[in-house]
Structure formats: structure tokens, C-alpha cells
């Protein structure tokens, strides 16, 4: 998702009084057949500006299996964790254009030629970052793979954006470099 759309979604509660998910529930209860009808309804009945109304209606029509919807569903009820996910994605996309980000129902795989990391909102207060780091002992923030089992060799537990520090970035880079 581009940064402008992400910013708009993050600002939606402040600018419109409801989150995207709340607006989607409002629209789900209404029998609109045309895009413009739903946009006009949000503008007239709720005072939503055209840009936000259009975005809400467009994103409400997204198939639940799209990458965007898969990620949104992972963080539903866990909005405080979304900035951690965003920070991790920002780190790995800076490694190069050969990183493939593959959302699944419960996690997001980070792949170069092979999967090198996995991001999973583990609880309402923690994101688990699974890494493939063969031959490296646990140390510092780097733990055994835990619930990742054989999908990853190690796990780092992240409770805030501040936890995405230089150690975490270096471990991600090590895993990325090992995936060729």
C-alpha cells in the first residue's frame, strides 16, 4: 500500500470520527448498489469529506483475500501493533527491490529467494518476528523460534516501535543476506 493511503487510513478516526473498520461496518448494513450512492450517503448523512468517503467506499469493496485485507484483518483489534509492522516493512524494503512481502491469513512472509523472516501479531501487545538464521546461537533479543517451529530458527518479541532498533535491523539484514 502506498504511504499516502496508509496515512489517510491512520488519520481517518481523527478526520472522520471513525476508523476504517467502523465505516466498513456502517456501509455493510446499507444496501448500496452503486459506488456514488455510498459516497453521497457518507458525505450527507455523516459529514465525511469526498476524499475520505471515496476511500472508505473503495476499501470497503476489497476482497478479503487481497494482501491489504489480509494485513488489515491481522491487526484488527491490535491497532497499536500496526506501527511495529510498518517499521519492519520499511526496514526490509530498504534492503533491495528483491524482497517479496507475502501476506497470509495470520502472518506476513518476507522472501528473497527463500523466506528469511515472518511477521506475526502474536498477542494484542506483541508482534513476533521470526527469522531464519542457521548456525547462530540465541543471544540478546534473539530467542529460540518458539511458536514458529521449523518455519524459523529464531524469534524476536517486539512490544513497541522502539523495539525495532539497530539489533533487530541487523538480525533482519543477516537473515536477508542468508537467503540467497
Protein backbone atom coordinates (compact mmCIF):
# COMPACT_ATOMS: atom_id res chain seq x y z
CA UNK A 1 0.00 0.00 0.00
CA UNK A 2 1.33 3.42 -0.78
CA UNK A 3 2.24 5.74 2.07
CA UNK A 4 -0.42 8.34 1.23
CA UNK A 5 -3.21 5.78 1.54
CA UNK A 6 -1.73 4.37 4.74
CA UNK A 7 -1.55 7.89 6.23
CA UNK A 8 -5.13 8.56 5.23
CA UNK A 9 -6.30 5.35 6.93
CA UNK A 10 -4.31 6.17 10.08
CA UNK A 11 -5.79 9.72 10.17
CA UNK A 12 -9.34 8.54 9.45
CA UNK A 13 -10.52 8.34 13.11
CA UNK A 14 -9.36 11.91 13.75
CA UNK A 15 -10.71 13.35 10.49
CA UNK A 16 -13.99 11.41 10.29
CA UNK A 17 -14.74 10.22 13.82
CA UNK A 18 -14.49 6.51 12.96
CA UNK A 19 -11.82 4.00 11.91
CA UNK A 20 -11.93 2.33 8.50
CA UNK A 21 -13.28 -0.85 10.11
CA UNK A 22 -16.09 1.13 11.80
CA UNK A 23 -17.01 2.77 8.49
CA UNK A 24 -16.96 -0.61 6.77
CA UNK A 25 -19.47 -1.91 9.33
CA UNK A 26 -21.69 1.15 8.67
CA UNK A 27 -21.62 0.51 4.92
CA UNK A 28 -22.15 -3.24 5.33
CA UNK A 29 -25.55 -2.53 6.86
CA UNK A 30 -26.66 -0.39 3.91
CA UNK A 31 -27.94 -1.76 0.57
CA UNK A 32 -25.97 0.45 -1.85
CA UNK A 33 -25.76 -0.76 -5.42
CA UNK A 34 -23.52 2.00 -6.76
CA UNK A 35 -20.27 3.45 -5.53
CA UNK A 36 -21.56 7.03 -5.83
CA UNK A 37 -24.62 6.24 -3.68
CA UNK A 38 -22.41 5.10 -0.81
CA UNK A 39 -20.07 8.09 -1.20
CA UNK A 40 -23.01 10.52 -1.19
CA UNK A 41 -24.50 8.81 1.86
CA UNK A 42 -21.26 9.20 3.85
CA UNK A 43 -20.99 12.85 2.79
CA UNK A 44 -24.61 13.84 3.50
CA UNK A 45 -25.50 11.67 6.50
CA UNK A 46 -22.13 11.71 8.26
CA UNK A 47 -20.37 14.85 7.01
CA UNK A 48 -17.40 12.92 5.63
CA UNK A 49 -15.34 14.81 3.04
CA UNK A 50 -15.37 13.50 -0.53
CA UNK A 51 -11.81 12.16 -0.41
CA UNK A 52 -12.39 10.15 2.75
CA UNK A 53 -15.85 8.98 1.62
CA UNK A 54 -14.42 7.73 -1.69
CA UNK A 55 -11.55 5.94 0.08
CA UNK A 56 -13.89 4.32 2.61
CA UNK A 57 -16.24 3.04 -0.09
CA UNK A 58 -13.39 1.81 -2.29
CA UNK A 59 -11.67 -0.04 0.56
CA UNK A 60 -14.99 -1.49 1.73
CA UNK A 61 -15.28 -3.33 -1.57
CA UNK A 62 -11.88 -5.00 -1.27
CA UNK A 63 -11.89 -8.77 -1.42
CA UNK A 64 -10.97 -10.28 1.96
CA UNK A 65 -8.19 -12.28 0.30
CA UNK A 66 -6.27 -9.29 -1.08
CA UNK A 67 -2.91 -8.57 0.56
CA UNK A 68 -4.28 -5.35 2.03
CA UNK A 69 -7.31 -7.09 3.57
CA UNK A 70 -5.18 -9.92 4.97
CA UNK A 71 -2.93 -7.43 6.78
CA UNK A 72 -5.86 -5.32 7.97
CA UNK A 73 -7.53 -8.41 9.42
CA UNK A 74 -4.34 -9.44 11.24
CA UNK A 75 -4.23 -6.11 13.06
CA UNK A 76 -7.94 -5.71 13.72
CA UNK A 77 -8.26 -5.06 17.46
CA UNK A 78 -4.47 -4.69 17.61
CA UNK A 79 -4.06 -1.21 16.10
CA UNK A 80 -1.21 -0.34 18.47
CA UNK A 81 0.86 -3.08 16.82
CA UNK A 82 0.45 -1.82 13.25
CA UNK A 83 3.30 0.76 13.58
CA UNK A 84 5.65 -2.11 14.52
CA UNK A 85 4.67 -3.95 11.35
CA UNK A 86 5.09 -0.76 9.29
CA UNK A 87 8.57 -0.17 10.78
CA UNK A 88 9.67 -3.72 9.94
CA UNK A 89 8.41 -3.40 6.36
CA UNK A 90 10.25 -0.09 6.00
CA UNK A 91 13.48 -1.77 7.14
CA UNK A 92 13.26 -4.75 4.77
CA UNK A 93 12.19 -2.78 1.72
CA UNK A 94 15.34 -0.68 2.13
CA UNK A 95 17.44 -3.85 1.67
CA UNK A 96 16.63 -4.01 -2.02
CA UNK A 97 13.91 -4.49 -4.58
CA UNK A 98 14.28 -8.26 -4.41
CA UNK A 99 12.21 -8.55 -1.21
CA UNK A 100 8.76 -10.05 -1.69
CA UNK A 101 6.20 -9.30 1.01
CA UNK A 102 3.60 -12.07 1.12
CA UNK A 103 0.65 -11.60 3.49
CA UNK A 104 -1.16 -14.71 4.66
CA UNK A 105 -4.11 -15.11 6.99
CA UNK A 106 -2.12 -14.94 10.25
CA UNK A 107 1.33 -13.66 9.27
CA UNK A 108 3.42 -11.97 6.59
CA UNK A 109 6.33 -13.81 4.96
CA UNK A 110 9.40 -11.88 3.86
CA UNK A 111 11.08 -13.62 0.96
CA UNK A 112 14.20 -13.05 -1.07
CA UNK A 113 14.95 -16.27 -2.93
CA UNK A 114 13.73 -18.11 0.17
CA UNK A 115 11.72 -16.95 3.15
CA UNK A 116 14.05 -15.20 5.56
CA UNK A 117 11.58 -13.72 8.04
CA UNK A 118 7.99 -13.87 9.23
CA UNK A 119 5.98 -11.13 10.96
CA UNK A 120 3.07 -12.19 13.15
CA UNK A 121 0.89 -10.21 15.55
CA UNK A 122 1.20 -12.78 18.35
CA UNK A 123 -0.93 -11.12 21.02
CA UNK A 124 -2.72 -7.80 21.45
CA UNK A 125 0.51 -6.35 22.82
CA UNK A 126 3.26 -8.11 20.87
CA UNK A 127 4.50 -8.79 17.35
CA UNK A 128 6.74 -11.80 16.86
CA UNK A 129 9.46 -11.53 14.23
CA UNK A 130 10.59 -14.96 13.10
CA UNK A 131 14.00 -15.20 11.43
CA UNK A 132 15.94 -17.89 9.57
CA UNK A 133 19.46 -17.67 10.95
CA UNK A 134 21.18 -21.03 10.59
CA UNK A 135 24.12 -21.71 12.87
CA UNK A 136 23.55 -18.69 15.12
CA UNK A 137 23.12 -19.14 18.86
CA UNK A 138 20.38 -17.36 20.79
CA UNK A 139 21.61 -14.09 22.28
CA UNK A 140 20.23 -10.77 23.48
CA UNK A 141 16.79 -10.25 21.93
CA UNK A 142 17.29 -13.31 19.71
CA UNK A 143 15.40 -16.30 21.17
CA UNK A 144 14.57 -19.82 20.06
CA UNK A 145 11.90 -19.95 17.35
CA UNK A 146 9.13 -20.64 19.87
CA UNK A 147 5.72 -20.96 18.17
CA UNK A 148 7.25 -20.64 14.69
CA UNK A 149 8.62 -24.17 14.94
CA UNK A 150 10.60 -25.14 11.85
CA UNK A 151 9.42 -22.15 9.79
CA UNK A 152 12.08 -20.04 11.52
CA UNK A 153 15.16 -20.72 13.61
CA UNK A 154 14.77 -17.70 15.90
CA UNK A 155 12.21 -15.23 17.21
CA UNK A 156 12.36 -11.64 18.44
CA UNK A 157 9.45 -10.32 20.50
CA UNK A 158 8.52 -6.69 19.73
CA UNK A 159 6.23 -4.70 22.01
CA UNK A 160 6.74 -1.21 20.56
CA UNK A 161 8.23 0.59 17.58
CA UNK A 162 11.24 1.40 19.78
CA UNK A 163 11.99 -2.32 19.85
CA UNK A 164 12.74 -2.16 16.11
CA UNK A 165 16.24 -0.99 16.99
CA UNK A 166 19.66 -1.48 15.38
CA UNK A 167 19.98 -5.02 16.80
CA UNK A 168 16.69 -6.05 15.20
CA UNK A 169 17.61 -4.34 11.92
CA UNK A 170 20.98 -6.12 11.88
CA UNK A 171 19.36 -9.51 12.56
CA UNK A 172 16.89 -8.88 9.74
CA UNK A 173 19.76 -7.95 7.41
CA UNK A 174 21.66 -11.09 8.42
CA UNK A 175 18.62 -13.24 7.66
CA UNK A 176 18.09 -11.41 4.34
CA UNK A 177 21.73 -11.93 3.34
CA UNK A 178 21.50 -15.61 4.26
CA UNK A 179 18.50 -16.21 1.99
CA UNK A 180 20.38 -16.21 -1.31
